[in-house]
Structures are given as C-alpha cells and as structure tokens.
Amino acid sequence: MKNRLKVLRAEHNLTQDELGKMLGVSRQAVNALETEKHSPSLDLAYRIATVFKQPVEQIFQNPHTVAEAEV
C-alpha cells in the first residue's frame, strides 16, 4: 500500500527504531511498511495517524480508489 510514512518520519526526525517503539512494533515492521512490502492493520494505521496527527487518508493511499485518469 502506497504511503507517506518515510517522508513523515524524516520530517519528524525519527529513526525507524524510534517510530517502531512509539507504535509498539519492531524497526523491521516500520521498514516493511515504508518499502510497501506489507500493509498495516487498521489498528496500526490509526496508531500511525495518531503519532503524526494526520488522518489515515493523508498517510496511506486507498488502493480501492479509482484514479481520475482511469475513469
């Protein structure tokens, strides 16, 4: 799932390990999200949104939304 996690983490001067600790997950889990190897659970997506004080939709792209160019 496309996301802005890496950009947001850099903007907040957080390492993957620091963010992982804030979220209750491993550094490897943060890396897997950033590289789009895994999608977050709904619970984790909301925890991430809370950390960055942004709506989930501002961080993660909905894969079920049809792009305007495809309509």
PDB file of N, CA and C in Angstrom:
ATOM      1  N   MET A   1       0.850  -1.167   0.000  1.00  0.00           N
ATOM      2  CA  MET A   1       0.000   0.000   0.000  1.00  0.00           C
ATOM      3  C   MET A   1       0.899   1.235   0.000  1.00  0.00           C
ATOM      4  N   LYS A   2       0.669   2.122  -0.970  1.00  0.00           N
ATOM      5  CA  LYS A   2       1.467   3.341  -1.040  1.00  0.00           C
ATOM      6  C   LYS A   2       1.190   4.195   0.194  1.00  0.00           C
ATOM      7  N   ASN A   3       2.285   4.813   0.696  1.00  0.00           N
ATOM      8  CA  ASN A   3       2.137   5.626   1.891  1.00  0.00           C
ATOM      9  C   ASN A   3       3.213   6.706   1.945  1.00  0.00           C
ATOM     10  N   ARG A   4       3.030   7.622   2.880  1.00  0.00           N
ATOM     11  CA  ARG A   4       3.962   8.728   3.104  1.00  0.00           C
ATOM     12  C   ARG A   4       4.751   8.537   4.390  1.00  0.00           C
ATOM     13  N   LEU A   5       4.822   7.327   4.870  1.00  0.00           N
ATOM     14  CA  LEU A   5       5.412   7.067   6.177  1.00  0.00           C
ATOM     15  C   LEU A   5       6.870   7.501   6.257  1.00  0.00           C
ATOM     16  N   LYS A   6       7.681   7.157   5.267  1.00  0.00           N
ATOM     17  CA  LYS A   6       9.098   7.509   5.294  1.00  0.00           C
ATOM     18  C   LYS A   6       9.291   9.023   5.316  1.00  0.00           C
ATOM     19  N   VAL A   7       8.500   9.733   4.520  1.00  0.00           N
ATOM     20  CA  VAL A   7       8.589  11.196   4.468  1.00  0.00           C
ATOM     21  C   VAL A   7       8.198  11.797   5.811  1.00  0.00           C
ATOM     22  N   LEU A   8       7.100  11.328   6.365  1.00  0.00           N
ATOM     23  CA  LEU A   8       6.646  11.854   7.662  1.00  0.00           C
ATOM     24  C   LEU A   8       7.653  11.558   8.765  1.00  0.00           C
ATOM     25  N   ARG A   9       8.212  10.366   8.734  1.00  0.00           N
ATOM     26  CA  ARG A   9       9.196  10.003   9.757  1.00  0.00           C
ATOM     27  C   ARG A   9      10.407  10.927   9.664  1.00  0.00           C
ATOM     28  N   ALA A  10      10.871  11.198   8.440  1.00  0.00           N
ATOM     29  CA  ALA A  10      12.018  12.094   8.246  1.00  0.00           C
ATOM     30  C   ALA A  10      11.684  13.519   8.690  1.00  0.00           C
ATOM     31  N   GLU A  11      10.484  13.978   8.374  1.00  0.00           N
ATOM     32  CA  GLU A  11      10.064  15.331   8.771  1.00  0.00           C
ATOM     33  C   GLU A  11      10.046  15.494  10.285  1.00  0.00           C
ATOM     34  N   HIS A  12       9.795  14.386  10.992  1.00  0.00           N
ATOM     35  CA  HIS A  12       9.748  14.421  12.451  1.00  0.00           C
ATOM     36  C   HIS A  12      11.064  13.974  13.086  1.00  0.00           C
ATOM     37  N   ASN A  13      12.098  13.816  12.253  1.00  0.00           N
ATOM     38  CA  ASN A  13      13.434  13.432  12.720  1.00  0.00           C
ATOM     39  C   ASN A  13      13.410  12.176  13.588  1.00  0.00           C
ATOM     40  N   LEU A  14      12.666  11.174  13.132  1.00  0.00           N
ATOM     41  CA  LEU A  14      12.572   9.914  13.854  1.00  0.00           C
ATOM     42  C   LEU A  14      13.309   8.825  13.094  1.00  0.00           C
ATOM     43  N   THR A  15      13.987   7.947  13.811  1.00  0.00           N
ATOM     44  CA  THR A  15      14.556   6.767  13.174  1.00  0.00           C
ATOM     45  C   THR A  15      13.457   5.715  13.075  1.00  0.00           C
ATOM     46  N   GLN A  16      13.699   4.681  12.284  1.00  0.00           N
ATOM     47  CA  GLN A  16      12.737   3.590  12.209  1.00  0.00           C
ATOM     48  C   GLN A  16      12.570   2.943  13.575  1.00  0.00           C
ATOM     49  N   ASP A  17      13.660   2.817  14.311  1.00  0.00           N
ATOM     50  CA  ASP A  17      13.596   2.212  15.640  1.00  0.00           C
ATOM     51  C   ASP A  17      12.758   3.058  16.591  1.00  0.00           C
ATOM     52  N   GLU A  18      12.955   4.369  16.571  1.00  0.00           N
ATOM     53  CA  GLU A  18      12.182   5.266  17.442  1.00  0.00           C
ATOM     54  C   GLU A  18      10.693   5.200  17.122  1.00  0.00           C
ATOM     55  N   LEU A  19      10.368   5.246  15.829  1.00  0.00           N
ATOM     56  CA  LEU A  19       8.965   5.169  15.439  1.00  0.00           C
ATOM     57  C   LEU A  19       8.386   3.821  15.829  1.00  0.00           C
ATOM     58  N   GLY A  20       9.138   2.766  15.616  1.00  0.00           N
ATOM     59  CA  GLY A  20       8.674   1.435  15.996  1.00  0.00           C
ATOM     60  C   GLY A  20       8.337   1.347  17.471  1.00  0.00           C
ATOM     61  N   LYS A  21       9.193   1.920  18.304  1.00  0.00           N
ATOM     62  CA  LYS A  21       8.939   1.903  19.747  1.00  0.00           C
ATOM     63  C   LYS A  21       7.681   2.696  20.095  1.00  0.00           C
ATOM     64  N   MET A  22       7.469   3.816  19.404  1.00  0.00           N
ATOM     65  CA  MET A  22       6.269   4.619  19.650  1.00  0.00           C
ATOM     66  C   MET A  22       4.999   3.855  19.262  1.00  0.00           C
ATOM     67  N   LEU A  23       5.127   3.017  18.234  1.00  0.00           N
ATOM     68  CA  LEU A  23       3.976   2.273  17.718  1.00  0.00           C
ATOM     69  C   LEU A  23       3.823   0.889  18.338  1.00  0.00           C
ATOM     70  N   GLY A  24       4.843   0.435  19.052  1.00  0.00           N
ATOM     71  CA  GLY A  24       4.792  -0.901  19.637  1.00  0.00           C
ATOM     72  C   GLY A  24       5.099  -2.002  18.624  1.00  0.00           C
ATOM     73  N   VAL A  25       5.911  -1.662  17.606  1.00  0.00           N
ATOM     74  CA  VAL A  25       6.322  -2.641  16.605  1.00  0.00           C
ATOM     75  C   VAL A  25       7.841  -2.566  16.442  1.00  0.00           C
ATOM     76  N   SER A  26       8.395  -3.497  15.713  1.00  0.00           N
ATOM     77  CA  SER A  26       9.844  -3.527  15.503  1.00  0.00           C
ATOM     78  C   SER A  26      10.275  -2.539  14.419  1.00  0.00           C
ATOM     79  N   ARG A  27      11.578  -2.267  14.406  1.00  0.00           N
ATOM     80  CA  ARG A  27      12.152  -1.447  13.333  1.00  0.00           C
ATOM     81  C   ARG A  27      11.905  -2.109  11.991  1.00  0.00           C
ATOM     82  N   GLN A  28      11.995  -3.436  11.963  1.00  0.00           N
ATOM     83  CA  GLN A  28      11.783  -4.175  10.722  1.00  0.00           C
ATOM     84  C   GLN A  28      10.348  -3.998  10.207  1.00  0.00           C
ATOM     85  N   ALA A  29       9.397  -3.923  11.123  1.00  0.00           N
ATOM     86  CA  ALA A  29       7.998  -3.710  10.730  1.00  0.00           C
ATOM     87  C   ALA A  29       7.829  -2.332  10.100  1.00  0.00           C
ATOM     88  N   VAL A  30       8.473  -1.323  10.674  1.00  0.00           N
ATOM     89  CA  VAL A  30       8.417   0.024  10.105  1.00  0.00           C
ATOM     90  C   VAL A  30       9.037   0.017   8.713  1.00  0.00           C
ATOM     91  N   ASN A  31      10.167  -0.654   8.567  1.00  0.00           N
ATOM     92  CA  ASN A  31      10.815  -0.746   7.267  1.00  0.00           C
ATOM     93  C   ASN A  31       9.918  -1.426   6.242  1.00  0.00           C
ATOM     94  N   ALA A  32       9.256  -2.497   6.635  1.00  0.00           N
ATOM     95  CA  ALA A  32       8.370  -3.225   5.722  1.00  0.00           C
ATOM     96  C   ALA A  32       7.196  -2.342   5.278  1.00  0.00           C
ATOM     97  N   LEU A  33       6.706  -1.489   6.153  1.00  0.00           N
ATOM     98  CA  LEU A  33       5.637  -0.558   5.786  1.00  0.00           C
ATOM     99  C   LEU A  33       6.157   0.502   4.823  1.00  0.00           C
ATOM    100  N   GLU A  34       7.319   1.059   5.148  1.00  0.00           N
ATOM    101  CA  GLU A  34       7.888   2.117   4.314  1.00  0.00           C
ATOM    102  C   GLU A  34       8.218   1.633   2.907  1.00  0.00           C
ATOM    103  N   THR A  35       8.665   0.406   2.789  1.00  0.00           N
ATOM    104  CA  THR A  35       9.034  -0.139   1.477  1.00  0.00           C
ATOM    105  C   THR A  35       7.852  -0.822   0.795  1.00  0.00           C
ATOM    106  N   GLU A  36       6.690  -0.710   1.411  1.00  0.00           N
ATOM    107  CA  GLU A  36       5.429  -1.232   0.873  1.00  0.00           C
ATOM    108  C   GLU A  36       5.440  -2.742   0.676  1.00  0.00           C
ATOM    109  N   LYS A  37       6.230  -3.431   1.501  1.00  0.00           N
ATOM    110  CA  LYS A  37       6.244  -4.892   1.470  1.00  0.00           C
ATOM    111  C   LYS A  37       5.063  -5.458   2.244  1.00  0.00           C
ATOM    112  N   HIS A  38       4.565  -4.670   3.198  1.00  0.00           N
ATOM    113  CA  HIS A  38       3.412  -5.068   3.998  1.00  0.00           C
ATOM    114  C   HIS A  38       2.489  -3.875   4.174  1.00  0.00           C
ATOM    115  N   SER A  39       1.212  -4.161   4.323  1.00  0.00           N
ATOM    116  CA  SER A  39       0.224  -3.130   4.626  1.00  0.00           C
ATOM    117  C   SER A  39      -0.086  -3.193   6.118  1.00  0.00           C
ATOM    118  N   PRO A  40      -0.363  -2.047   6.729  1.00  0.00           N
ATOM    119  CA  PRO A  40      -0.643  -2.059   8.154  1.00  0.00           C
ATOM    120  C   PRO A  40      -2.041  -2.595   8.454  1.00  0.00           C
ATOM    121  N   SER A  41      -2.178  -3.138   9.645  1.00  0.00           N
ATOM    122  CA  SER A  41      -3.528  -3.465  10.113  1.00  0.00           C
ATOM    123  C   SER A  41      -4.255  -2.146  10.324  1.00  0.00           C
ATOM    124  N   LEU A  42      -5.556  -2.204  10.436  1.00  0.00           N
ATOM    125  CA  LEU A  42      -6.334  -0.993  10.672  1.00  0.00           C
ATOM    126  C   LEU A  42      -5.906  -0.339  11.988  1.00  0.00           C
ATOM    127  N   ASP A  43      -5.688  -1.149  12.999  1.00  0.00           N
ATOM    128  CA  ASP A  43      -5.251  -0.638  14.298  1.00  0.00           C
ATOM    129  C   ASP A  43      -3.916   0.094  14.168  1.00  0.00           C
ATOM    130  N   LEU A  44      -2.961  -0.508  13.475  1.00  0.00           N
ATOM    131  CA  LEU A  44      -1.649   0.116  13.317  1.00  0.00           C
ATOM    132  C   LEU A  44      -1.752   1.388  12.479  1.00  0.00           C
ATOM    133  N   ALA A  45      -2.561   1.384  11.446  1.00  0.00           N
ATOM    134  CA  ALA A  45      -2.742   2.584  10.626  1.00  0.00           C
ATOM    135  C   ALA A  45      -3.262   3.743  11.483  1.00  0.00           C
ATOM    136  N   TYR A  46      -4.198   3.455  12.381  1.00  0.00           N
ATOM    137  CA  TYR A  46      -4.721   4.506  13.260  1.00  0.00           C
ATOM    138  C   TYR A  46      -3.677   4.958  14.280  1.00  0.00           C
ATOM    139  N   ARG A  47      -2.848   4.041  14.755  1.00  0.00           N
ATOM    140  CA  ARG A  47      -1.771   4.437  15.678  1.00  0.00           C
ATOM    141  C   ARG A  47      -0.775   5.352  14.971  1.00  0.00           C
ATOM    142  N   ILE A  48      -0.452   5.024  13.717  1.00  0.00           N
ATOM    143  CA  ILE A  48       0.459   5.868  12.926  1.00  0.00           C
ATOM    144  C   ILE A  48      -0.159   7.242  12.722  1.00  0.00           C
ATOM    145  N   ALA A  49      -1.426   7.289  12.363  1.00  0.00           N
ATOM    146  CA  ALA A  49      -2.114   8.563  12.167  1.00  0.00           C
ATOM    147  C   ALA A  49      -2.097   9.401  13.439  1.00  0.00           C
ATOM    148  N   THR A  50      -2.244   8.753  14.576  1.00  0.00           N
ATOM    149  CA  THR A  50      -2.219   9.466  15.856  1.00  0.00           C
ATOM    150  C   THR A  50      -0.838  10.052  16.128  1.00  0.00           C
ATOM    151  N   VAL A  51       0.208   9.291  15.875  1.00  0.00           N
ATOM    152  CA  VAL A  51       1.579   9.773  16.091  1.00  0.00           C
ATOM    153  C   VAL A  51       1.843  11.021  15.265  1.00  0.00           C
ATOM    154  N   PHE A  52       1.417  10.998  14.002  1.00  0.00           N
ATOM    155  CA  PHE A  52       1.700  12.121  13.112  1.00  0.00           C
ATOM    156  C   PHE A  52       0.583  13.159  13.074  1.00  0.00           C
ATOM    157  N   LYS A  53      -0.463  12.937  13.870  1.00  0.00           N
ATOM    158  CA  LYS A  53      -1.574  13.890  13.980  1.00  0.00           C
ATOM    159  C   LYS A  53      -2.155  14.252  12.605  1.00  0.00           C
ATOM    160  N   GLN A  54      -2.376  13.195  11.802  1.00  0.00           N
ATOM    161  CA  GLN A  54      -2.963  13.352  10.475  1.00  0.00           C
ATOM    162  C   GLN A  54      -4.002  12.270  10.267  1.00  0.00           C
ATOM    163  N   PRO A  55      -4.982  12.523   9.413  1.00  0.00           N
ATOM    164  CA  PRO A  55      -5.951  11.470   9.090  1.00  0.00           C
ATOM    165  C   PRO A  55      -5.255  10.317   8.356  1.00  0.00           C
ATOM    166  N   VAL A  56      -5.767   9.131   8.532  1.00  0.00           N
ATOM    167  CA  VAL A  56      -5.208   7.946   7.874  1.00  0.00           C
ATOM    168  C   VAL A  56      -5.097   8.184   6.366  1.00  0.00           C
ATOM    169  N   GLU A  57      -6.106   8.830   5.787  1.00  0.00           N
ATOM    170  CA  GLU A  57      -6.135   9.065   4.341  1.00  0.00           C
ATOM    171  C   GLU A  57      -5.006   9.977   3.869  1.00  0.00           C
ATOM    172  N   GLN A  58      -4.435  10.774   4.765  1.00  0.00           N
ATOM    173  CA  GLN A  58      -3.314  11.644   4.409  1.00  0.00           C
ATOM    174  C   GLN A  58      -1.991  10.878   4.386  1.00  0.00           C
ATOM    175  N   ILE A  59      -1.985   9.708   5.012  1.00  0.00           N
ATOM    176  CA  ILE A  59      -0.760   8.918   5.121  1.00  0.00           C
ATOM    177  C   ILE A  59      -0.759   7.744   4.150  1.00  0.00           C
ATOM    178  N   PHE A  60      -1.892   7.082   4.037  1.00  0.00           N
ATOM    179  CA  PHE A  60      -1.994   5.883   3.207  1.00  0.00           C
ATOM    180  C   PHE A  60      -2.934   6.111   2.040  1.00  0.00           C
ATOM    181  N   GLN A  61      -2.529   5.634   0.862  1.00  0.00           N
ATOM    182  CA  GLN A  61      -3.370   5.738  -0.331  1.00  0.00           C
ATOM    183  C   GLN A  61      -4.329   4.564  -0.353  1.00  0.00           C
ATOM    184  N   ASN A  62      -5.597   4.858  -0.568  1.00  0.00           N
ATOM    185  CA  ASN A  62      -6.607   3.816  -0.653  1.00  0.00           C
ATOM    186  C   ASN A  62      -6.418   3.063  -1.972  1.00  0.00           C
ATOM    187  N   PRO A  63      -6.065   1.781  -1.936  1.00  0.00           N
ATOM    188  CA  PRO A  63      -5.836   1.038  -3.184  1.00  0.00           C
ATOM    189  C   PRO A  63      -7.124   0.749  -3.955  1.00  0.00           C
ATOM    190  N   HIS A  64      -8.261   1.018  -3.348  1.00  0.00           N
ATOM    191  CA  HIS A  64      -9.539   0.735  -3.986  1.00  0.00           C
ATOM    192  C   HIS A  64     -10.154   1.962  -4.655  1.00  0.00           C
ATOM    193  N   THR A  65      -9.487   3.098  -4.558  1.00  0.00           N
ATOM    194  CA  THR A  65      -9.952   4.313  -5.200  1.00  0.00           C
ATOM    195  C   THR A  65      -9.486   4.322  -6.642  1.00  0.00           C
ATOM    196  N   VAL A  66     -10.387   4.564  -7.541  1.00  0.00           N
ATOM    197  CA  VAL A  66     -10.056   4.618  -8.959  1.00  0.00           C
ATOM    198  C   VAL A  66      -9.474   5.986  -9.260  1.00  0.00           C
ATOM    199  N   ALA A  67      -8.305   6.013  -9.870  1.00  0.00           N
ATOM    200  CA  ALA A  67      -7.673   7.275 -10.228  1.00  0.00           C
ATOM    201  C   ALA A  67      -8.518   7.992 -11.273  1.00  0.00           C
ATOM    202  N   GLU A  68      -8.516   9.314 -11.231  1.00  0.00           N
ATOM    203  CA  GLU A  68      -9.316  10.107 -12.166  1.00  0.00           C
ATOM    204  C   GLU A  68      -8.968   9.784 -13.612  1.00  0.00           C
ATOM    205  N   ALA A  69      -7.706   9.501 -13.891  1.00  0.00           N
ATOM    206  CA  ALA A  69      -7.279   9.213 -15.262  1.00  0.00           C
ATOM    207  C   ALA A  69      -7.872   7.893 -15.758  1.00  0.00           C
ATOM    208  N   GLU A  70      -8.225   7.006 -14.828  1.00  0.00           N
ATOM    209  CA  GLU A  70      -8.762   5.705 -15.211  1.00  0.00           C
ATOM    210  C   GLU A  70     -10.262   5.741 -15.441  1.00  0.00           C
ATOM    211  N   VAL A  71     -10.923   6.820 -15.057  1.00  0.00           N
ATOM    212  CA  VAL A  71     -12.382   6.909 -15.176  1.00  0.00           C
ATOM    213  C   VAL A  71     -12.788   7.208 -16.590  1.00  0.00           C
TER     214      VAL A  71
END
